[in-house]
Amino acid sequence: MSFLVLAAATACGGDGSGSGFDGPVIVSFGADPARIVSGQKSVLSWQTDGAAEIAITDEDGRSVDLRGEPASAGSVQVAPKKTTRYDLKAKAGGIARLSSTKVIVDPSEATIDSFEAEPALIDRGGRSTLSWKTKDAESIRIVDGDGVDVPGAGRLNPEGSLEVTPQATTTYTLEARRGEAVAKAEATVQVLGPPVVSFFADDAVIDHQGSTLLHWTVSGSTQIEVKSGSSVFSRNEPSGSLSVSPQQRTSYELFAKGPGGETSRTLSVSVRPILVSFESAGLGGPYPVGATLPLKWEIKGAAQLLRVFVTNFDDFDEEILLNQRFSGLANVPVPPDGRFRLKAVQEDESVEMDVVVEVL
């Protein structure tokens, strides 16, 4: 508790109505605690001798509500938002005495007066200067859009500047910390140049009737389009994901346009062909070796690049004609072990299916 008595006089008793009265005495006036954090409270307490009335005002002249406390001794809570001096005036018999005390208020959190980038628009490879002004910060940090500390930042002063050379449009965040409280502000440096694009699929090859996710992120763009052929799946989303289930090899394109130019990316999702069936179309076995046996098949999930082969592992190994690739019939000599194989090849993917018949 702090006390500061500016003037005092010895009282002869009473309220000043008797002779020889020198005025009221302020025995004590103080604040407890004398130092608080913003939002906390302090208690002003006083003790006087011979005072008929008292009043407490702050340094701006605003009265403190004493809530009916007596002039002789009392206390009242205050919650100043800034460091404040309080003045106690004690009066009696036309004589006034003054005493003052101060409540020091520490900020509960730092404040950011300014945080800006200059210039805010640069060419790729150019530089921009981040500048800031803060108050009451115990520590300061600047991070980029990925939450990574800006190179060269080191220990930053409450007020300062730092040069950055982003390769793509970047939003920087200034964090001013005091205790557990963190104040934040953002400044964006826009980089002129073609948009920076990331575009990929979880799986570039899927099974028939399967699916995969396409993912993209784009910076430095004002127009974005994700499409396949004439079908548009997304517009003007700087980041996103899309589930696709192509029935055959399909190309997807991302087109991005910004102040600095245009960028496009293309990716393809292939579909593994599925062999629905491969079987004998004969009337029933067993079959003699060398006899001609009709074999039939059905293939799905393949593109026009599909190649189909049939072999008997003996004297027949041929590629099927284009018009019979997906559903066809081939007459194949029966091998000694009665085993046949259908093989479907699409780019780097292939699937096989065997059929075995009884041989005489």
Protein backbone atom coordinates (compact mmCIF):
# COMPACT_ATOMS: atom_id res chain seq x y z
CA MET A 1 0.00 0.00 0.00
CA SER A 2 1.33 3.45 -0.90
CA PHE A 3 0.55 6.69 0.94
CA LEU A 4 1.21 10.27 -0.04
CA VAL A 5 -0.02 13.02 2.27
CA LEU A 6 0.34 16.45 0.77
CA ALA A 7 -0.99 18.51 3.63
CA ALA A 8 -2.04 17.80 7.18
CA ALA A 9 -2.91 19.70 10.33
CA THR A 10 -3.39 18.67 13.93
CA ALA A 11 -7.03 18.77 14.87
CA CYS A 12 -8.28 20.13 18.18
CA GLY A 13 -11.21 17.74 18.07
CA GLY A 14 -14.76 17.88 16.82
CA ASP A 15 -15.78 18.90 13.34
CA GLY A 16 -14.19 22.33 13.33
CA SER A 17 -16.87 24.20 15.24
CA GLY A 18 -14.64 24.90 18.22
CA SER A 19 -11.95 27.54 18.56
CA GLY A 20 -8.38 26.87 17.51
CA PHE A 21 -9.39 24.33 14.81
CA ASP A 22 -6.64 24.06 12.18
CA GLY A 23 -8.56 21.93 9.73
CA PRO A 24 -8.97 18.20 9.12
CA VAL A 25 -6.04 15.81 9.12
CA ILE A 26 -5.57 13.11 6.48
CA VAL A 27 -3.94 10.38 8.51
CA SER A 28 -3.54 8.02 5.55
CA PHE A 29 -4.63 7.56 1.94
CA GLY A 30 -3.34 4.75 -0.22
CA ALA A 31 -4.01 2.04 -2.82
CA ASP A 32 -3.65 -1.71 -2.29
CA PRO A 33 -2.30 -3.12 -4.46
CA ALA A 34 -0.57 -0.09 -5.87
CA ARG A 35 0.27 -1.97 -9.08
CA ILE A 36 -2.27 -4.04 -11.04
CA VAL A 37 -2.74 -5.62 -14.47
CA SER A 38 -5.37 -4.10 -16.71
CA GLY A 39 -8.76 -5.53 -15.76
CA GLN A 40 -7.87 -6.03 -12.11
CA LYS A 41 -9.02 -3.91 -9.17
CA SER A 42 -7.30 -1.93 -6.43
CA VAL A 43 -8.71 -0.73 -3.10
CA LEU A 44 -8.41 2.92 -2.11
CA SER A 45 -8.55 3.33 1.68
CA TRP A 46 -8.33 6.37 3.90
CA GLN A 47 -8.32 7.54 7.48
CA THR A 48 -8.92 11.13 8.54
CA ASP A 49 -9.27 13.13 11.75
CA GLY A 50 -11.74 15.95 12.02
CA ALA A 51 -13.03 15.76 8.45
CA ALA A 52 -16.69 16.62 7.96
CA GLU A 53 -16.69 15.32 4.40
CA ILE A 54 -14.33 13.84 1.84
CA ALA A 55 -14.25 13.44 -1.92
CA ILE A 56 -11.99 11.39 -4.18
CA THR A 57 -11.39 12.27 -7.84
CA ASP A 58 -9.06 10.87 -10.47
CA GLU A 59 -6.48 12.95 -12.30
CA ASP A 60 -9.06 13.85 -14.95
CA GLY A 61 -11.44 15.26 -12.34
CA ARG A 62 -13.90 12.39 -12.39
CA SER A 63 -15.45 11.60 -8.99
CA VAL A 64 -15.09 8.19 -7.39
CA ASP A 65 -18.32 6.82 -5.92
CA LEU A 66 -17.61 6.36 -2.19
CA ARG A 67 -20.77 4.27 -1.74
CA GLY A 68 -21.70 5.97 1.56
CA GLU A 69 -18.40 5.22 3.29
CA PRO A 70 -17.78 7.57 6.30
CA ALA A 71 -15.33 10.45 6.05
CA SER A 72 -13.36 9.27 9.08
CA ALA A 73 -12.25 5.93 7.61
CA GLY A 74 -13.28 3.74 4.70
CA SER A 75 -12.36 2.04 1.46
CA VAL A 76 -13.63 1.70 -2.10
CA GLN A 77 -12.64 -0.42 -5.09
CA VAL A 78 -11.42 1.12 -8.35
CA ALA A 79 -10.52 -0.52 -11.69
CA PRO A 80 -8.56 2.01 -13.74
CA LYS A 81 -7.73 1.10 -17.33
CA LYS A 82 -4.48 3.04 -17.23
CA THR A 83 -2.06 4.30 -14.59
CA THR A 84 -4.10 6.83 -12.61
CA ARG A 85 -3.54 9.34 -9.78
CA TYR A 86 -6.34 9.67 -7.24
CA ASP A 87 -6.80 12.80 -5.11
CA LEU A 88 -8.51 12.77 -1.70
CA LYS A 89 -9.93 16.07 -0.48
CA ALA A 90 -10.97 16.29 3.19
CA LYS A 91 -13.01 19.34 4.30
CA ALA A 92 -14.17 20.79 7.62
CA GLY A 93 -14.79 24.28 8.92
CA GLY A 94 -14.05 25.81 5.53
CA ILE A 95 -10.58 24.22 5.48
CA ALA A 96 -9.59 21.56 2.94
CA ARG A 97 -6.67 19.19 2.90
CA LEU A 98 -5.42 17.13 -0.08
CA SER A 99 -3.62 13.80 -0.38
CA SER A 100 -2.84 11.74 -3.48
CA THR A 101 -2.03 8.14 -4.34
CA LYS A 102 -1.35 6.38 -7.62
CA VAL A 103 -2.45 3.04 -9.09
CA ILE A 104 0.00 1.78 -11.70
CA VAL A 105 -1.72 -0.29 -14.40
CA ASP A 106 0.33 -2.75 -16.45
CA PRO A 107 -1.25 -3.82 -19.74
CA SER A 108 -2.68 -7.35 -19.80
CA GLU A 109 -1.62 -7.79 -23.43
CA ALA A 110 0.52 -6.18 -26.08
CA THR A 111 -1.00 -3.90 -28.68
CA ILE A 112 -0.05 -3.57 -32.34
CA ASP A 113 -0.24 0.01 -33.57
CA SER A 114 0.70 -0.85 -37.15
CA PHE A 115 1.97 -3.66 -39.37
CA GLU A 116 2.31 -3.09 -43.10
CA ALA A 117 4.19 -4.14 -46.22
CA GLU A 118 5.71 -1.58 -48.58
CA PRO A 119 5.41 -2.03 -51.45
CA ALA A 120 2.47 -4.39 -51.13
CA LEU A 121 2.72 -5.35 -54.82
CA ILE A 122 6.01 -6.62 -56.27
CA ASP A 123 7.28 -8.54 -59.29
CA ARG A 124 8.51 -12.06 -58.68
CA GLY A 125 12.04 -11.81 -57.33
CA GLY A 126 11.40 -8.33 -55.95
CA ARG A 127 11.56 -7.16 -52.35
CA SER A 128 9.11 -5.68 -49.87
CA THR A 129 9.69 -4.19 -46.43
CA LEU A 130 7.57 -5.24 -43.47
CA SER A 131 7.39 -2.54 -40.79
CA TRP A 132 5.65 -2.56 -37.43
CA LYS A 133 5.00 -0.67 -34.23
CA THR A 134 3.89 -2.37 -31.03
CA LYS A 135 3.44 -1.52 -27.38
CA ASP A 136 4.01 -3.53 -24.22
CA ALA A 137 5.18 -6.68 -26.06
CA GLU A 138 7.51 -9.06 -24.27
CA SER A 139 8.35 -10.83 -27.53
CA ILE A 140 7.61 -10.37 -31.22
CA ARG A 141 7.46 -12.93 -34.02
CA ILE A 142 6.71 -12.73 -37.75
CA VAL A 143 5.64 -15.86 -39.66
CA ASP A 144 4.72 -16.51 -43.28
CA GLY A 145 1.56 -18.14 -44.60
CA ASP A 146 2.82 -21.60 -43.58
CA GLY A 147 3.48 -20.50 -40.00
CA VAL A 148 7.26 -20.53 -40.53
CA ASP A 149 9.39 -17.79 -38.99
CA VAL A 150 10.55 -15.26 -41.56
CA PRO A 151 14.26 -15.80 -42.35
CA GLY A 152 16.50 -13.25 -40.67
CA ALA A 153 13.86 -12.15 -38.19
CA GLY A 154 15.85 -13.18 -35.10
CA ARG A 155 14.87 -11.26 -31.97
CA LEU A 156 12.66 -8.39 -33.06
CA ASN A 157 12.32 -5.01 -31.40
CA PRO A 158 8.93 -3.52 -30.48
CA GLU A 159 9.32 -1.23 -33.49
CA GLY A 160 11.25 -2.06 -36.62
CA SER A 161 11.34 -3.27 -40.21
CA LEU A 162 12.40 -6.37 -42.14
CA GLU A 163 12.95 -7.06 -45.84
CA VAL A 164 11.28 -10.08 -47.46
CA THR A 165 11.44 -11.63 -50.96
CA PRO A 166 8.41 -13.91 -51.33
CA GLN A 167 8.19 -16.01 -54.50
CA ALA A 168 4.41 -16.06 -54.38
CA THR A 169 1.72 -13.89 -52.85
CA THR A 170 2.19 -14.28 -49.09
CA THR A 171 0.33 -13.10 -46.01
CA TYR A 172 2.65 -12.42 -43.09
CA THR A 173 1.44 -12.49 -39.49
CA LEU A 174 2.95 -10.40 -36.71
CA GLU A 175 2.52 -11.93 -33.25
CA ALA A 176 3.09 -9.67 -30.24
CA ARG A 177 3.11 -11.65 -27.01
CA ARG A 178 2.72 -10.56 -23.42
CA GLY A 179 2.33 -13.34 -20.91
CA GLU A 180 -0.12 -15.82 -22.36
CA ALA A 181 -1.91 -13.20 -24.48
CA VAL A 182 -0.95 -12.82 -28.14
CA ALA A 183 -2.00 -9.92 -30.36
CA LYS A 184 -1.89 -10.55 -34.11
CA ALA A 185 -1.92 -8.48 -37.28
CA GLU A 186 -1.49 -9.39 -40.95
CA ALA A 187 0.18 -7.81 -43.96
CA THR A 188 0.03 -9.24 -47.48
CA VAL A 189 2.66 -8.97 -50.20
CA GLN A 190 1.16 -9.71 -53.61
CA VAL A 191 3.66 -11.12 -56.09
CA LEU A 192 3.01 -10.47 -59.76
CA GLY A 193 3.73 -13.47 -61.93
CA PRO A 194 1.92 -16.52 -63.21
CA PRO A 195 -0.14 -18.21 -60.50
CA VAL A 196 1.66 -20.88 -58.50
CA VAL A 197 -0.25 -24.14 -58.77
CA SER A 198 -0.11 -27.53 -57.07
CA PHE A 199 -2.39 -30.15 -58.67
CA PHE A 200 -2.19 -33.89 -57.96
CA ALA A 201 -4.23 -37.07 -57.46
CA ASP A 202 -4.02 -39.43 -54.52
CA ASP A 203 -3.94 -42.33 -56.99
CA ALA A 204 -3.06 -41.93 -60.65
CA VAL A 205 -4.36 -45.45 -61.38
CA ILE A 206 -7.60 -46.82 -59.93
CA ASP A 207 -9.59 -50.00 -60.23
CA HIS A 208 -12.73 -50.13 -62.33
CA GLN A 209 -15.56 -48.42 -60.41
CA GLY A 210 -13.01 -47.07 -57.94
CA SER A 211 -12.33 -43.44 -57.11
CA THR A 212 -9.51 -41.08 -56.21
CA LEU A 213 -9.18 -37.57 -54.81
CA LEU A 214 -7.80 -34.66 -56.81
CA HIS A 215 -6.17 -31.91 -54.72
CA TRP A 216 -5.13 -28.40 -55.65
CA THR A 217 -3.78 -25.19 -54.16
CA VAL A 218 -3.35 -21.96 -56.11
CA SER A 219 -1.81 -18.63 -55.15
CA GLY A 220 -1.62 -15.39 -57.12
CA SER A 221 -4.80 -16.11 -59.07
CA THR A 222 -8.12 -14.35 -59.52
CA GLN A 223 -9.73 -16.97 -61.76
CA ILE A 224 -9.52 -20.74 -61.19
CA GLU A 225 -11.21 -23.57 -63.04
CA VAL A 226 -10.94 -27.33 -62.58
CA LYS A 227 -12.44 -29.30 -65.45
CA SER A 228 -12.38 -32.37 -67.63
CA GLY A 229 -13.37 -31.75 -71.22
CA SER A 230 -16.49 -29.59 -71.12
CA SER A 231 -17.36 -30.54 -67.53
CA VAL A 232 -16.37 -27.92 -64.95
CA PHE A 233 -16.06 -29.22 -61.40
CA SER A 234 -14.87 -26.15 -59.50
CA ARG A 235 -14.57 -22.41 -60.03
CA ASN A 236 -12.49 -19.84 -58.13
CA GLU A 237 -11.58 -22.06 -55.19
CA PRO A 238 -7.91 -21.38 -54.27
CA SER A 239 -7.69 -24.78 -52.62
CA GLY A 240 -9.85 -27.83 -52.61
CA SER A 241 -10.35 -31.55 -53.19
CA LEU A 242 -12.55 -33.43 -55.62
CA SER A 243 -13.51 -37.10 -55.70
CA VAL A 244 -13.57 -38.55 -59.24
CA SER A 245 -14.58 -42.00 -60.52
CA PRO A 246 -13.68 -42.14 -64.20
CA GLN A 247 -14.77 -45.20 -66.19
CA GLN A 248 -11.68 -45.00 -68.38
CA ARG A 249 -8.46 -43.02 -68.58
CA THR A 250 -9.46 -39.36 -68.07
CA SER A 251 -7.51 -36.12 -68.10
CA TYR A 252 -8.27 -33.29 -65.70
CA GLU A 253 -7.08 -29.72 -66.16
CA LEU A 254 -6.61 -26.86 -63.72
CA PHE A 255 -6.51 -23.40 -65.27
CA ALA A 256 -5.50 -20.37 -63.17
CA LYS A 257 -5.32 -16.75 -64.26
CA GLY A 258 -4.00 -13.81 -62.25
CA PRO A 259 -2.56 -10.30 -62.63
CA GLY A 260 0.83 -11.79 -63.53
CA GLY A 261 -0.27 -14.30 -66.16
CA GLU A 262 -1.77 -17.73 -66.59
CA THR A 263 -0.87 -21.24 -65.44
CA SER A 264 -2.40 -24.58 -66.36
CA ARG A 265 -1.75 -28.08 -65.09
CA THR A 266 -3.03 -31.39 -66.44
CA LEU A 267 -3.13 -34.78 -64.78
CA SER A 268 -4.56 -38.10 -65.86
CA VAL A 269 -6.26 -40.85 -63.92
CA SER A 270 -6.04 -44.30 -65.50
CA VAL A 271 -8.45 -47.16 -64.88
CA ARG A 272 -7.26 -50.72 -64.64
CA PRO A 273 -9.29 -52.88 -67.03
CA ILE A 274 -11.42 -55.51 -65.35
CA LEU A 275 -11.95 -58.92 -66.91
CA VAL A 276 -15.61 -59.64 -66.41
CA SER A 277 -15.48 -63.08 -68.01
CA PHE A 278 -13.29 -65.43 -70.05
CA GLU A 279 -14.78 -68.82 -70.83
CA SER A 280 -15.29 -71.54 -73.35
CA ALA A 281 -18.15 -71.11 -75.79
CA GLY A 282 -17.93 -74.77 -76.85
CA LEU A 283 -20.72 -77.32 -76.56
CA GLY A 284 -19.02 -79.15 -73.73
CA GLY A 285 -15.91 -81.24 -73.24
CA PRO A 286 -13.76 -83.07 -73.08
CA TYR A 287 -12.02 -81.79 -76.20
CA PRO A 288 -9.35 -83.43 -78.30
CA VAL A 289 -5.94 -81.78 -78.46
CA GLY A 290 -5.68 -79.56 -81.53
CA ALA A 291 -9.43 -79.17 -81.92
CA THR A 292 -10.64 -75.60 -82.42
CA LEU A 293 -12.41 -74.23 -79.36
CA PRO A 294 -14.33 -70.93 -79.34
CA LEU A 295 -13.41 -68.69 -76.39
CA LYS A 296 -15.36 -65.57 -75.44
CA TRP A 297 -14.69 -62.65 -73.07
CA GLU A 298 -15.94 -59.35 -71.75
CA ILE A 299 -13.74 -56.50 -70.53
CA LYS A 300 -14.77 -53.27 -68.81
CA GLY A 301 -13.08 -50.16 -67.45
CA ALA A 302 -10.67 -49.81 -70.35
CA ALA A 303 -9.85 -47.01 -72.76
CA GLN A 304 -9.37 -47.12 -76.51
CA LEU A 305 -5.64 -47.79 -75.97
CA LEU A 306 -6.47 -51.26 -74.65
CA ARG A 307 -4.65 -54.23 -76.19
CA VAL A 308 -5.96 -57.77 -75.74
CA PHE A 309 -4.02 -61.03 -76.18
CA VAL A 310 -5.10 -64.67 -76.12
CA THR A 311 -2.69 -67.62 -75.77
CA ASN A 312 -2.91 -71.39 -75.35
CA PHE A 313 0.72 -71.58 -74.15
CA ASP A 314 1.45 -73.84 -77.12
CA ASP A 315 0.89 -72.86 -80.74
CA PHE A 316 -1.45 -69.85 -80.40
CA ASP A 317 -0.48 -66.40 -79.08
CA GLU A 318 -2.24 -63.56 -80.85
CA GLU A 319 -3.47 -59.99 -80.31
CA ILE A 320 -7.20 -59.54 -80.76
CA LEU A 321 -8.59 -57.26 -83.46
CA LEU A 322 -9.69 -53.77 -82.41
CA ASN A 323 -13.39 -54.39 -82.88
CA GLN A 324 -13.36 -57.36 -80.50
CA ARG A 325 -11.25 -56.02 -77.68
CA PHE A 326 -14.02 -55.35 -75.16
CA SER A 327 -16.30 -58.23 -76.07
CA GLY A 328 -15.23 -60.85 -78.52
CA LEU A 329 -14.82 -64.43 -79.65
CA ALA A 330 -11.68 -66.27 -80.81
CA ASN A 331 -11.23 -69.82 -82.14
CA VAL A 332 -8.16 -71.28 -80.46
CA PRO A 333 -6.60 -74.78 -80.77
CA VAL A 334 -6.91 -76.89 -77.63
CA PRO A 335 -3.45 -77.36 -76.05
CA PRO A 336 -2.32 -80.56 -74.34
CA ASP A 337 -3.08 -79.19 -70.86
CA GLY A 338 -6.32 -77.46 -71.89
CA ARG A 339 -5.21 -74.10 -70.45
CA PHE A 340 -5.91 -70.71 -72.10
CA ARG A 341 -5.10 -67.17 -70.97
CA LEU A 342 -6.65 -63.79 -71.76
CA LYS A 343 -4.40 -60.77 -71.10
CA ALA A 344 -5.60 -57.15 -71.23
CA VAL A 345 -2.93 -54.43 -71.34
CA GLN A 346 -3.56 -50.73 -70.96
CA GLU A 347 -0.48 -48.53 -70.82
CA ASP A 348 1.56 -49.85 -67.86
CA GLU A 349 -1.33 -51.79 -66.35
CA SER A 350 -2.29 -55.35 -67.22
CA VAL A 351 -4.69 -58.03 -65.96
CA GLU A 352 -4.98 -61.71 -66.80
CA MET A 353 -7.57 -64.46 -66.57
CA ASP A 354 -7.20 -68.20 -67.29
CA VAL A 355 -9.68 -70.83 -68.29
CA VAL A 356 -9.02 -74.59 -68.30
CA VAL A 357 -11.04 -77.18 -70.22
CA GLU A 358 -11.01 -80.97 -69.98
CA VAL A 359 -8.85 -82.63 -72.64
CA LEU A 360 -9.29 -86.13 -74.14
